Amino acid sequence: MLVHFRNTKIEKEFSSEKELVRAYGAEQAKMIMLRLSILRSARSLADLLLTPPLRAHELTGGRRGQISITLRQPYRLILIPAHDPLPLKPDGGLDWQKVTEVFVTEVVDYHSPPNRP
């Protein structure tokens, strides 16, 4: 699968182990590198469903259209398909077998409420 990055900041962070460790810590960096390796070796998003520890799934609500992959708890690697138009199944869901390119958008804990001043 082709893996792109949402912006140059994320691309720089994900470009080397040193940058990942600086941004996310040693253990999380190792997990992110493993996840990127799995993504790059997959033929499509459907291959991710065969790797249970990833817990890859589509998000809903305000994050509709995004794919979540588990990192170290509570963090997730967020992807969006890099297809226009999105490949959809007849029922309207994303056709994971046809998604062969993704954008990495962020590493986030979306279960916690945002910090408010």
PDB file of N, CA and C in Angstrom:
ATOM      1  N   MET A   1       0.847  -1.168   0.000  1.00  0.00           N
ATOM      2  CA  MET A   1       0.000   0.000   0.000  1.00  0.00           C
ATOM      3  C   MET A   1       0.896   1.235   0.000  1.00  0.00           C
ATOM      4  N   LEU A   2       0.456   2.255  -0.689  1.00  0.00           N
ATOM      5  CA  LEU A   2       1.197   3.517  -0.680  1.00  0.00           C
ATOM      6  C   LEU A   2       0.784   4.326   0.542  1.00  0.00           C
ATOM      7  N   VAL A   3       1.769   4.830   1.262  1.00  0.00           N
ATOM      8  CA  VAL A   3       1.520   5.607   2.480  1.00  0.00           C
ATOM      9  C   VAL A   3       2.040   7.019   2.264  1.00  0.00           C
ATOM     10  N   HIS A   4       1.140   7.987   2.407  1.00  0.00           N
ATOM     11  CA  HIS A   4       1.472   9.404   2.300  1.00  0.00           C
ATOM     12  C   HIS A   4       1.237  10.042   3.661  1.00  0.00           C
ATOM     13  N   PHE A   5       1.641  11.281   3.789  1.00  0.00           N
ATOM     14  CA  PHE A   5       1.462  11.996   5.052  1.00  0.00           C
ATOM     15  C   PHE A   5       0.668  13.268   4.813  1.00  0.00           C
ATOM     16  N   ARG A   6      -0.179  13.609   5.773  1.00  0.00           N
ATOM     17  CA  ARG A   6      -1.091  14.745   5.654  1.00  0.00           C
ATOM     18  C   ARG A   6      -0.365  16.057   5.430  1.00  0.00           C
ATOM     19  N   ASN A   7       0.781  16.233   6.070  1.00  0.00           N
ATOM     20  CA  ASN A   7       1.525  17.483   5.919  1.00  0.00           C
ATOM     21  C   ASN A   7       3.011  17.225   6.152  1.00  0.00           C
ATOM     22  N   THR A   8       3.821  18.255   5.942  1.00  0.00           N
ATOM     23  CA  THR A   8       5.270  18.089   6.055  1.00  0.00           C
ATOM     24  C   THR A   8       5.717  17.858   7.503  1.00  0.00           C
ATOM     25  N   LYS A   9       4.966  18.384   8.476  1.00  0.00           N
ATOM     26  CA  LYS A   9       5.325  18.161   9.891  1.00  0.00           C
ATOM     27  C   LYS A   9       5.242  16.665  10.216  1.00  0.00           C
ATOM     28  N   ILE A  10       4.147  16.045   9.852  1.00  0.00           N
ATOM     29  CA  ILE A  10       3.975  14.606  10.117  1.00  0.00           C
ATOM     30  C   ILE A  10       4.983  13.800   9.307  1.00  0.00           C
ATOM     31  N   GLU A  11       5.205  14.202   8.064  1.00  0.00           N
ATOM     32  CA  GLU A  11       6.178  13.490   7.236  1.00  0.00           C
ATOM     33  C   GLU A  11       7.568  13.546   7.864  1.00  0.00           C
ATOM     34  N   LYS A  12       7.940  14.712   8.391  1.00  0.00           N
ATOM     35  CA  LYS A  12       9.246  14.852   9.038  1.00  0.00           C
ATOM     36  C   LYS A  12       9.328  13.977  10.291  1.00  0.00           C
ATOM     37  N   GLU A  13       8.270  14.007  11.123  1.00  0.00           N
ATOM     38  CA  GLU A  13       8.259  13.183  12.339  1.00  0.00           C
ATOM     39  C   GLU A  13       8.387  11.694  12.008  1.00  0.00           C
ATOM     40  N   PHE A  14       7.746  11.262  10.931  1.00  0.00           N
ATOM     41  CA  PHE A  14       7.723   9.848  10.582  1.00  0.00           C
ATOM     42  C   PHE A  14       8.888   9.449   9.679  1.00  0.00           C
ATOM     43  N   SER A  15       9.782  10.375   9.360  1.00  0.00           N
ATOM     44  CA  SER A  15      10.858  10.098   8.409  1.00  0.00           C
ATOM     45  C   SER A  15      12.047   9.375   9.041  1.00  0.00           C
ATOM     46  N   SER A  16      12.178   9.434  10.351  1.00  0.00           N
ATOM     47  CA  SER A  16      13.307   8.759  11.000  1.00  0.00           C
ATOM     48  C   SER A  16      12.930   8.331  12.413  1.00  0.00           C
ATOM     49  N   GLU A  17      13.633   7.321  12.881  1.00  0.00           N
ATOM     50  CA  GLU A  17      13.398   6.833  14.239  1.00  0.00           C
ATOM     51  C   GLU A  17      13.692   7.924  15.259  1.00  0.00           C
ATOM     52  N   LYS A  18      14.743   8.687  15.021  1.00  0.00           N
ATOM     53  CA  LYS A  18      15.123   9.759  15.938  1.00  0.00           C
ATOM     54  C   LYS A  18      13.988  10.781  16.097  1.00  0.00           C
ATOM     55  N   GLU A  19      13.381  11.167  14.983  1.00  0.00           N
ATOM     56  CA  GLU A  19      12.281  12.136  15.031  1.00  0.00           C
ATOM     57  C   GLU A  19      11.052  11.549  15.725  1.00  0.00           C
ATOM     58  N   LEU A  20      10.771  10.272  15.458  1.00  0.00           N
ATOM     59  CA  LEU A  20       9.636   9.623  16.117  1.00  0.00           C
ATOM     60  C   LEU A  20       9.848   9.548  17.630  1.00  0.00           C
ATOM     61  N   VAL A  21      11.042   9.185  18.049  1.00  0.00           N
ATOM     62  CA  VAL A  21      11.343   9.106  19.484  1.00  0.00           C
ATOM     63  C   VAL A  21      11.197  10.485  20.112  1.00  0.00           C
ATOM     64  N   ARG A  22      11.679  11.495  19.435  1.00  0.00           N
ATOM     65  CA  ARG A  22      11.570  12.863  19.961  1.00  0.00           C
ATOM     66  C   ARG A  22      10.103  13.277  20.113  1.00  0.00           C
ATOM     67  N   ALA A  23       9.278  12.918  19.138  1.00  0.00           N
ATOM     68  CA  ALA A  23       7.881  13.342  19.156  1.00  0.00           C
ATOM     69  C   ALA A  23       6.987  12.482  20.052  1.00  0.00           C
ATOM     70  N   TYR A  24       7.260  11.165  20.129  1.00  0.00           N
ATOM     71  CA  TYR A  24       6.314  10.259  20.786  1.00  0.00           C
ATOM     72  C   TYR A  24       6.900   9.369  21.869  1.00  0.00           C
ATOM     73  N   GLY A  25       8.216   9.412  22.081  1.00  0.00           N
ATOM     74  CA  GLY A  25       8.842   8.536  23.057  1.00  0.00           C
ATOM     75  C   GLY A  25       9.285   7.230  22.406  1.00  0.00           C
ATOM     76  N   ALA A  26      10.225   6.532  23.047  1.00  0.00           N
ATOM     77  CA  ALA A  26      10.861   5.351  22.453  1.00  0.00           C
ATOM     78  C   ALA A  26       9.879   4.203  22.199  1.00  0.00           C
ATOM     79  N   GLU A  27       9.043   3.875  23.171  1.00  0.00           N
ATOM     80  CA  GLU A  27       8.135   2.735  22.998  1.00  0.00           C
ATOM     81  C   GLU A  27       7.074   3.012  21.929  1.00  0.00           C
ATOM     82  N   GLN A  28       6.505   4.207  21.961  1.00  0.00           N
ATOM     83  CA  GLN A  28       5.489   4.552  20.957  1.00  0.00           C
ATOM     84  C   GLN A  28       6.120   4.635  19.569  1.00  0.00           C
ATOM     85  N   ALA A  29       7.336   5.154  19.484  1.00  0.00           N
ATOM     86  CA  ALA A  29       8.038   5.252  18.195  1.00  0.00           C
ATOM     87  C   ALA A  29       8.235   3.870  17.588  1.00  0.00           C
ATOM     88  N   LYS A  30       8.619   2.905  18.426  1.00  0.00           N
ATOM     89  CA  LYS A  30       8.809   1.530  17.940  1.00  0.00           C
ATOM     90  C   LYS A  30       7.492   0.974  17.384  1.00  0.00           C
ATOM     91  N   MET A  31       6.396   1.236  18.088  1.00  0.00           N
ATOM     92  CA  MET A  31       5.085   0.760  17.647  1.00  0.00           C
ATOM     93  C   MET A  31       4.669   1.435  16.339  1.00  0.00           C
ATOM     94  N   ILE A  32       4.919   2.728  16.226  1.00  0.00           N
ATOM     95  CA  ILE A  32       4.576   3.450  15.001  1.00  0.00           C
ATOM     96  C   ILE A  32       5.364   2.891  13.817  1.00  0.00           C
ATOM     97  N   MET A  33       6.658   2.635  14.002  1.00  0.00           N
ATOM     98  CA  MET A  33       7.478   2.086  12.913  1.00  0.00           C
ATOM     99  C   MET A  33       6.965   0.705  12.490  1.00  0.00           C
ATOM    100  N   LEU A  34       6.559  -0.096  13.452  1.00  0.00           N
ATOM    101  CA  LEU A  34       5.998  -1.408  13.137  1.00  0.00           C
ATOM    102  C   LEU A  34       4.708  -1.265  12.334  1.00  0.00           C
ATOM    103  N   ARG A  35       3.845  -0.362  12.768  1.00  0.00           N
ATOM    104  CA  ARG A  35       2.574  -0.142  12.057  1.00  0.00           C
ATOM    105  C   ARG A  35       2.820   0.359  10.629  1.00  0.00           C
ATOM    106  N   LEU A  36       3.770   1.267  10.450  1.00  0.00           N
ATOM    107  CA  LEU A  36       4.084   1.761   9.101  1.00  0.00           C
ATOM    108  C   LEU A  36       4.603   0.632   8.214  1.00  0.00           C
ATOM    109  N   SER A  37       5.409  -0.231   8.776  1.00  0.00           N
ATOM    110  CA  SER A  37       5.923  -1.377   8.030  1.00  0.00           C
ATOM    111  C   SER A  37       4.774  -2.275   7.568  1.00  0.00           C
ATOM    112  N   ILE A  38       3.838  -2.535   8.456  1.00  0.00           N
ATOM    113  CA  ILE A  38       2.677  -3.360   8.117  1.00  0.00           C
ATOM    114  C   ILE A  38       1.854  -2.677   7.029  1.00  0.00           C
ATOM    115  N   LEU A  39       1.632  -1.377   7.167  1.00  0.00           N
ATOM    116  CA  LEU A  39       0.864  -0.641   6.154  1.00  0.00           C
ATOM    117  C   LEU A  39       1.523  -0.730   4.788  1.00  0.00           C
ATOM    118  N   ARG A  40       2.820  -0.501   4.754  1.00  0.00           N
ATOM    119  CA  ARG A  40       3.533  -0.492   3.472  1.00  0.00           C
ATOM    120  C   ARG A  40       3.579  -1.871   2.821  1.00  0.00           C
ATOM    121  N   SER A  41       3.536  -2.928   3.606  1.00  0.00           N
ATOM    122  CA  SER A  41       3.583  -4.270   3.033  1.00  0.00           C
ATOM    123  C   SER A  41       2.192  -4.793   2.645  1.00  0.00           C
ATOM    124  N   ALA A  42       1.142  -4.130   3.091  1.00  0.00           N
ATOM    125  CA  ALA A  42      -0.221  -4.553   2.756  1.00  0.00           C
ATOM    126  C   ALA A  42      -0.548  -4.197   1.308  1.00  0.00           C
ATOM    127  N   ARG A  43      -1.379  -5.027   0.688  1.00  0.00           N
ATOM    128  CA  ARG A  43      -1.860  -4.714  -0.667  1.00  0.00           C
ATOM    129  C   ARG A  43      -3.000  -3.709  -0.613  1.00  0.00           C
ATOM    130  N   SER A  44      -3.813  -3.817   0.430  1.00  0.00           N
ATOM    131  CA  SER A  44      -4.953  -2.926   0.603  1.00  0.00           C
ATOM    132  C   SER A  44      -5.303  -2.852   2.084  1.00  0.00           C
ATOM    133  N   LEU A  45      -6.249  -1.983   2.414  1.00  0.00           N
ATOM    134  CA  LEU A  45      -6.704  -1.886   3.807  1.00  0.00           C
ATOM    135  C   LEU A  45      -7.268  -3.211   4.298  1.00  0.00           C
ATOM    136  N   ALA A  46      -7.848  -4.005   3.401  1.00  0.00           N
ATOM    137  CA  ALA A  46      -8.436  -5.286   3.800  1.00  0.00           C
ATOM    138  C   ALA A  46      -7.401  -6.190   4.462  1.00  0.00           C
ATOM    139  N   ASP A  47      -6.133  -6.104   4.066  1.00  0.00           N
ATOM    140  CA  ASP A  47      -5.088  -6.909   4.688  1.00  0.00           C
ATOM    141  C   ASP A  47      -4.937  -6.592   6.171  1.00  0.00           C
ATOM    142  N   LEU A  48      -5.270  -5.372   6.566  1.00  0.00           N
ATOM    143  CA  LEU A  48      -5.142  -4.982   7.973  1.00  0.00           C
ATOM    144  C   LEU A  48      -6.137  -5.720   8.858  1.00  0.00           C
ATOM    145  N   LEU A  49      -7.255  -6.124   8.262  1.00  0.00           N
ATOM    146  CA  LEU A  49      -8.265  -6.856   9.035  1.00  0.00           C
ATOM    147  C   LEU A  49      -7.779  -8.240   9.423  1.00  0.00           C
ATOM    148  N   LEU A  50      -6.734  -8.724   8.748  1.00  0.00           N
ATOM    149  CA  LEU A  50      -6.177 -10.045   9.045  1.00  0.00           C
ATOM    150  C   LEU A  50      -5.124  -9.986  10.142  1.00  0.00           C
ATOM    151  N   THR A  51      -4.852  -8.789  10.657  1.00  0.00           N
ATOM    152  CA  THR A  51      -3.840  -8.601  11.699  1.00  0.00           C
ATOM    153  C   THR A  51      -4.548  -8.093  12.954  1.00  0.00           C
ATOM    154  N   PRO A  52      -5.078  -9.005  13.778  1.00  0.00           N
ATOM    155  CA  PRO A  52      -5.903  -8.618  14.923  1.00  0.00           C
ATOM    156  C   PRO A  52      -5.310  -7.573  15.861  1.00  0.00           C
ATOM    157  N   PRO A  53      -3.998  -7.592  16.181  1.00  0.00           N
ATOM    158  CA  PRO A  53      -3.518  -6.590  17.138  1.00  0.00           C
ATOM    159  C   PRO A  53      -3.686  -5.146  16.654  1.00  0.00           C
ATOM    160  N   LEU A  54      -3.878  -4.949  15.344  1.00  0.00           N
ATOM    161  CA  LEU A  54      -4.038  -3.587  14.823  1.00  0.00           C
ATOM    162  C   LEU A  54      -5.381  -2.991  15.228  1.00  0.00           C
ATOM    163  N   ARG A  55      -6.375  -3.840  15.367  1.00  0.00           N
ATOM    164  CA  ARG A  55      -7.741  -3.385  15.668  1.00  0.00           C
ATOM    165  C   ARG A  55      -8.162  -2.269  14.720  1.00  0.00           C
ATOM    166  N   ALA A  56      -7.862  -2.432  13.441  1.00  0.00           N
ATOM    167  CA  ALA A  56      -8.213  -1.428  12.434  1.00  0.00           C
ATOM    168  C   ALA A  56      -9.726  -1.369  12.270  1.00  0.00           C
ATOM    169  N   HIS A  57     -10.259  -0.145  12.293  1.00  0.00           N
ATOM    170  CA  HIS A  57     -11.692   0.030  12.098  1.00  0.00           C
ATOM    171  C   HIS A  57     -12.006   1.452  11.650  1.00  0.00           C
ATOM    172  N   GLU A  58     -13.170   1.578  11.018  1.00  0.00           N
ATOM    173  CA  GLU A  58     -13.639   2.899  10.579  1.00  0.00           C
ATOM    174  C   GLU A  58     -14.223   3.631  11.780  1.00  0.00           C
ATOM    175  N   LEU A  59     -13.994   4.928  11.796  1.00  0.00           N
ATOM    176  CA  LEU A  59     -14.537   5.756  12.867  1.00  0.00           C
ATOM    177  C   LEU A  59     -15.870   6.353  12.431  1.00  0.00           C
ATOM    178  N   THR A  60     -16.615   6.848  13.383  1.00  0.00           N
ATOM    179  CA  THR A  60     -17.931   7.415  13.112  1.00  0.00           C
ATOM    180  C   THR A  60     -18.010   8.830  13.668  1.00  0.00           C
ATOM    181  N   GLY A  61     -19.165   9.428  13.549  1.00  0.00           N
ATOM    182  CA  GLY A  61     -19.396  10.767  14.083  1.00  0.00           C
ATOM    183  C   GLY A  61     -18.520  11.796  13.413  1.00  0.00           C
ATOM    184  N   GLY A  62     -17.885  12.646  14.216  1.00  0.00           N
ATOM    185  CA  GLY A  62     -17.027  13.708  13.693  1.00  0.00           C
ATOM    186  C   GLY A  62     -15.758  13.191  13.029  1.00  0.00           C
ATOM    187  N   ARG A  63     -15.465  11.931  13.194  1.00  0.00           N
ATOM    188  CA  ARG A  63     -14.279  11.327  12.577  1.00  0.00           C
ATOM    189  C   ARG A  63     -14.662  10.363  11.452  1.00  0.00           C
ATOM    190  N   ARG A  64     -15.881  10.489  10.962  1.00  0.00           N
ATOM    191  CA  ARG A  64     -16.346   9.644   9.861  1.00  0.00           C
ATOM    192  C   ARG A  64     -15.387   9.774   8.673  1.00  0.00           C
ATOM    193  N   GLY A  65     -15.062   8.651   8.053  1.00  0.00           N
ATOM    194  CA  GLY A  65     -14.149   8.643   6.918  1.00  0.00           C
ATOM    195  C   GLY A  65     -12.704   8.376   7.316  1.00  0.00           C
ATOM    196  N   GLN A  66     -12.454   8.282   8.622  1.00  0.00           N
ATOM    197  CA  GLN A  66     -11.108   8.017   9.115  1.00  0.00           C
ATOM    198  C   GLN A  66     -10.998   6.562   9.564  1.00  0.00           C
ATOM    199  N   ILE A  67      -9.783   6.029   9.482  1.00  0.00           N
ATOM    200  CA  ILE A  67      -9.487   4.673   9.921  1.00  0.00           C
ATOM    201  C   ILE A  67      -8.566   4.777  11.132  1.00  0.00           C
ATOM    202  N   SER A  68      -8.855   3.989  12.157  1.00  0.00           N
ATOM    203  CA  SER A  68      -8.061   3.976  13.382  1.00  0.00           C
ATOM    204  C   SER A  68      -7.291   2.668  13.481  1.00  0.00           C
ATOM    205  N   ILE A  69      -6.015   2.768  13.864  1.00  0.00           N
ATOM    206  CA  ILE A  69      -5.177   1.603  14.133  1.00  0.00           C
ATOM    207  C   ILE A  69      -4.588   1.784  15.526  1.00  0.00           C
ATOM    208  N   THR A  70      -4.690   0.757  16.339  1.00  0.00           N
ATOM    209  CA  THR A  70      -4.207   0.825  17.714  1.00  0.00           C
ATOM    210  C   THR A  70      -2.684   0.913  17.772  1.00  0.00           C
ATOM    211  N   LEU A  71      -2.215   1.823  18.602  1.00  0.00           N
ATOM    212  CA  LEU A  71      -0.797   1.911  18.957  1.00  0.00           C
ATOM    213  C   LEU A  71      -0.709   1.480  20.416  1.00  0.00           C
ATOM    214  N   ARG A  72       0.148   2.113  21.206  1.00  0.00           N
ATOM    215  CA  ARG A  72       0.165   1.847  22.650  1.00  0.00           C
ATOM    216  C   ARG A  72      -0.995   2.614  23.250  1.00  0.00           C
ATOM    217  N   GLN A  73      -1.748   1.953  24.104  1.00  0.00           N
ATOM    218  CA  GLN A  73      -2.922   2.574  24.703  1.00  0.00           C
ATOM    219  C   GLN A  73      -2.557   3.881  25.382  1.00  0.00           C
ATOM    220  N   PRO A  74      -3.342   4.903  25.235  1.00  0.00           N
ATOM    221  CA  PRO A  74      -4.632   4.988  24.573  1.00  0.00           C
ATOM    222  C   PRO A  74      -4.537   5.568  23.153  1.00  0.00           C
ATOM    223  N   TYR A  75      -3.361   5.574  22.556  1.00  0.00           N
ATOM    224  CA  TYR A  75      -3.153   6.270  21.291  1.00  0.00           C
ATOM    225  C   TYR A  75      -3.480   5.436  20.067  1.00  0.00           C
ATOM    226  N   ARG A  76      -3.895   6.142  19.018  1.00  0.00           N
ATOM    227  CA  ARG A  76      -4.254   5.525  17.750  1.00  0.00           C
ATOM    228  C   ARG A  76      -3.555   6.252  16.611  1.00  0.00           C
ATOM    229  N   LEU A  77      -3.233   5.504  15.566  1.00  0.00           N
ATOM    230  CA  LEU A  77      -2.721   6.063  14.320  1.00  0.00           C
ATOM    231  C   LEU A  77      -3.938   6.263  13.422  1.00  0.00           C
ATOM    232  N   ILE A  78      -4.137   7.486  12.946  1.00  0.00           N
ATOM    233  CA  ILE A  78      -5.316   7.817  12.154  1.00  0.00           C
ATOM    234  C   ILE A  78      -4.927   7.943  10.681  1.00  0.00           C
ATOM    235  N   LEU A  79      -5.700   7.255   9.842  1.00  0.00           N
ATOM    236  CA  LEU A  79      -5.485   7.258   8.398  1.00  0.00           C
ATOM    237  C   LEU A  79      -6.750   7.727   7.699  1.00  0.00           C
ATOM    238  N   ILE A  80      -6.576   8.260   6.504  1.00  0.00           N
ATOM    239  CA  ILE A  80      -7.715   8.492   5.623  1.00  0.00           C
ATOM    240  C   ILE A  80      -7.358   7.932   4.251  1.00  0.00           C
ATOM    241  N   PRO A  81      -8.319   7.334   3.573  1.00  0.00           N
ATOM    242  CA  PRO A  81      -8.051   6.812   2.237  1.00  0.00           C
ATOM    243  C   PRO A  81      -7.650   7.948   1.301  1.00  0.00           C
ATOM    244  N   ALA A  82      -6.682   7.672   0.430  1.00  0.00           N
ATOM    245  CA  ALA A  82      -6.202   8.677  -0.529  1.00  0.00           C
ATOM    246  C   ALA A  82      -6.813   8.416  -1.902  1.00  0.00           C
ATOM    247  N   HIS A  83      -8.122   8.278  -1.940  1.00  0.00           N
ATOM    248  CA  HIS A  83      -8.842   8.010  -3.186  1.00  0.00           C
ATOM    249  C   HIS A  83      -9.943   9.050  -3.354  1.00  0.00           C
ATOM    250  N   ASP A  84     -10.120   9.513  -4.568  1.00  0.00           N
ATOM    251  CA  ASP A  84     -11.204  10.446  -4.873  1.00  0.00           C
ATOM    252  C   ASP A  84     -11.807  10.035  -6.207  1.00  0.00           C
ATOM    253  N   PRO A  85     -13.003   9.483  -6.203  1.00  0.00           N
ATOM    254  CA  PRO A  85     -13.911   9.281  -5.075  1.00  0.00           C
ATOM    255  C   PRO A  85     -13.506   8.065  -4.252  1.00  0.00           C
ATOM    256  N   LEU A  86     -14.047   8.011  -3.049  1.00  0.00           N
ATOM    257  CA  LEU A  86     -13.788   6.869  -2.173  1.00  0.00           C
ATOM    258  C   LEU A  86     -14.410   5.608  -2.770  1.00  0.00           C
ATOM    259  N   PRO A  87     -13.702   4.490  -2.720  1.00  0.00           N
ATOM    260  CA  PRO A  87     -14.306   3.235  -3.185  1.00  0.00           C
ATOM    261  C   PRO A  87     -15.303   2.727  -2.140  1.00  0.00           C
ATOM    262  N   LEU A  88     -16.565   2.679  -2.526  1.00  0.00           N
ATOM    263  CA  LEU A  88     -17.618   2.284  -1.601  1.00  0.00           C
ATOM    264  C   LEU A  88     -18.267   0.980  -2.037  1.00  0.00           C
ATOM    265  N   LYS A  89     -18.759   0.226  -1.059  1.00  0.00           N
ATOM    266  CA  LYS A  89     -19.535  -0.978  -1.316  1.00  0.00           C
ATOM    267  C   LYS A  89     -20.977  -0.557  -1.609  1.00  0.00           C
ATOM    268  N   PRO A  90     -21.782  -1.450  -2.170  1.00  0.00           N
ATOM    269  CA  PRO A  90     -23.184  -1.105  -2.459  1.00  0.00           C
ATOM    270  C   PRO A  90     -23.964  -0.615  -1.241  1.00  0.00           C
ATOM    271  N   ASP A  91     -23.599  -1.088  -0.029  1.00  0.00           N
ATOM    272  CA  ASP A  91     -24.315  -0.650   1.177  1.00  0.00           C
ATOM    273  C   ASP A  91     -23.847   0.716   1.676  1.00  0.00           C
ATOM    274  N   GLY A  92     -22.847   1.318   0.989  1.00  0.00           N
ATOM    275  CA  GLY A  92     -22.364   2.641   1.361  1.00  0.00           C
ATOM    276  C   GLY A  92     -21.116   2.639   2.220  1.00  0.00           C
ATOM    277  N   GLY A  93     -20.712   1.482   2.719  1.00  0.00           N
ATOM    278  CA  GLY A  93     -19.504   1.385   3.523  1.00  0.00           C
ATOM    279  C   GLY A  93     -18.247   1.435   2.663  1.00  0.00           C
ATOM    280  N   LEU A  94     -17.145   1.708   3.267  1.00  0.00           N
ATOM    281  CA  LEU A  94     -15.862   1.774   2.571  1.00  0.00           C
ATOM    282  C   LEU A  94     -15.457   0.379   2.103  1.00  0.00           C
ATOM    283  N   ASP A  95     -15.051   0.264   0.844  1.00  0.00           N
ATOM    284  CA  ASP A  95     -14.581  -1.014   0.299  1.00  0.00           C
ATOM    285  C   ASP A  95     -13.089  -1.128   0.590  1.00  0.00           C
ATOM    286  N   TRP A  96     -12.752  -1.780   1.680  1.00  0.00           N
ATOM    287  CA  TRP A  96     -11.376  -1.870   2.158  1.00  0.00           C
ATOM    288  C   TRP A  96     -10.462  -2.559   1.153  1.00  0.00           C
ATOM    289  N   GLN A  97     -10.990  -3.456   0.339  1.00  0.00           N
ATOM    290  CA  GLN A  97     -10.163  -4.156  -0.648  1.00  0.00           C
ATOM    291  C   GLN A  97      -9.681  -3.229  -1.752  1.00  0.00           C
ATOM    292  N   LYS A  98     -10.393  -2.145  -1.986  1.00  0.00           N
ATOM    293  CA  LYS A  98     -10.029  -1.223  -3.062  1.00  0.00           C
ATOM    294  C   LYS A  98      -9.208  -0.029  -2.577  1.00  0.00           C
ATOM    295  N   VAL A  99      -8.997   0.087  -1.280  1.00  0.00           N
ATOM    296  CA  VAL A  99      -8.181   1.186  -0.742  1.00  0.00           C
ATOM    297  C   VAL A  99      -6.725   0.736  -0.744  1.00  0.00           C
ATOM    298  N   THR A 100      -5.939   1.319  -1.652  1.00  0.00           N
ATOM    299  CA  THR A 100      -4.532   0.936  -1.816  1.00  0.00           C
ATOM    300  C   THR A 100      -3.575   2.084  -1.511  1.00  0.00           C
ATOM    301  N   GLU A 101      -4.120   3.239  -1.139  1.00  0.00           N
ATOM    302  CA  GLU A 101      -3.318   4.401  -0.744  1.00  0.00           C
ATOM    303  C   GLU A 101      -3.988   5.072   0.437  1.00  0.00           C
ATOM    304  N   VAL A 102      -3.177   5.513   1.398  1.00  0.00           N
ATOM    305  CA  VAL A 102      -3.711   6.206   2.567  1.00  0.00           C
ATOM    306  C   VAL A 102      -2.836   7.403   2.917  1.00  0.00           C
ATOM    307  N   PHE A 103      -3.440   8.332   3.630  1.00  0.00           N
ATOM    308  CA  PHE A 103      -2.719   9.438   4.251  1.00  0.00           C
ATOM    309  C   PHE A 103      -2.674   9.175   5.747  1.00  0.00           C
ATOM    310  N   VAL A 104      -1.495   9.280   6.354  1.00  0.00           N
ATOM    311  CA  VAL A 104      -1.368   9.268   7.808  1.00  0.00           C
ATOM    312  C   VAL A 104      -1.655  10.699   8.240  1.00  0.00           C
ATOM    313  N   THR A 105      -2.638  10.861   9.133  1.00  0.00           N
ATOM    314  CA  THR A 105      -3.021  12.222   9.526  1.00  0.00           C
ATOM    315  C   THR A 105      -2.555  12.620  10.913  1.00  0.00           C
ATOM    316  N   GLU A 106      -2.547  11.658  11.858  1.00  0.00           N
ATOM    317  CA  GLU A 106      -2.134  12.026  13.209  1.00  0.00           C
ATOM    318  C   GLU A 106      -2.004  10.801  14.101  1.00  0.00           C
ATOM    319  N   VAL A 107      -1.372  11.010  15.236  1.00  0.00           N
ATOM    320  CA  VAL A 107      -1.370  10.075  16.350  1.00  0.00           C
ATOM    321  C   VAL A 107      -2.137  10.793  17.445  1.00  0.00           C
ATOM    322  N   VAL A 108      -3.191  10.148  17.948  1.00  0.00           N
ATOM    323  CA  VAL A 108      -4.083  10.861  18.855  1.00  0.00           C
ATOM    324  C   VAL A 108      -4.748   9.899  19.839  1.00  0.00           C
ATOM    325  N   ASP A 109      -5.126  10.450  20.989  1.00  0.00           N
ATOM    326  CA  ASP A 109      -6.007   9.760  21.933  1.00  0.00           C
ATOM    327  C   ASP A 109      -7.356  10.438  21.788  1.00  0.00           C
ATOM    328  N   TYR A 110      -8.207   9.915  20.933  1.00  0.00           N
ATOM    329  CA  TYR A 110      -9.489  10.571  20.682  1.00  0.00           C
ATOM    330  C   TYR A 110     -10.556  10.197  21.708  1.00  0.00           C
ATOM    331  N   HIS A 111     -10.218   9.340  22.664  1.00  0.00           N
ATOM    332  CA  HIS A 111     -11.182   8.993  23.703  1.00  0.00           C
ATOM    333  C   HIS A 111     -11.197   9.997  24.853  1.00  0.00           C
ATOM    334  N   SER A 112     -10.100  10.736  25.023  1.00  0.00           N
ATOM    335  CA  SER A 112     -10.027  11.718  26.102  1.00  0.00           C
ATOM    336  C   SER A 112     -10.580  13.061  25.634  1.00  0.00           C
ATOM    337  N   PRO A 113     -11.238  13.796  26.524  1.00  0.00           N
ATOM    338  CA  PRO A 113     -11.729  15.106  26.142  1.00  0.00           C
ATOM    339  C   PRO A 113     -10.551  16.052  25.903  1.00  0.00           C
ATOM    340  N   PRO A 114     -10.717  16.993  24.970  1.00  0.00           N
ATOM    341  CA  PRO A 114      -9.621  17.932  24.711  1.00  0.00           C
ATOM    342  C   PRO A 114      -9.363  18.815  25.927  1.00  0.00           C
ATOM    343  N   ASN A 115      -8.119  19.226  26.083  1.00  0.00           N
ATOM    344  CA  ASN A 115      -7.764  20.138  27.178  1.00  0.00           C
ATOM    345  C   ASN A 115      -8.355  21.510  26.887  1.00  0.00           C
ATOM    346  N   ARG A 116      -8.988  22.072  27.878  1.00  0.00           N
ATOM    347  CA  ARG A 116      -9.578  23.391  27.707  1.00  0.00           C
ATOM    348  C   ARG A 116      -8.963  24.333  28.738  1.00  0.00           C
ATOM    349  N   PRO A 117      -8.592  25.531  28.299  1.00  0.00           N
ATOM    350  CA  PRO A 117      -7.993  26.491  29.251  1.00  0.00           C
ATOM    351  C   PRO A 117      -8.988  27.000  30.256  1.00  0.00           C
TER     352      PRO A 117
END
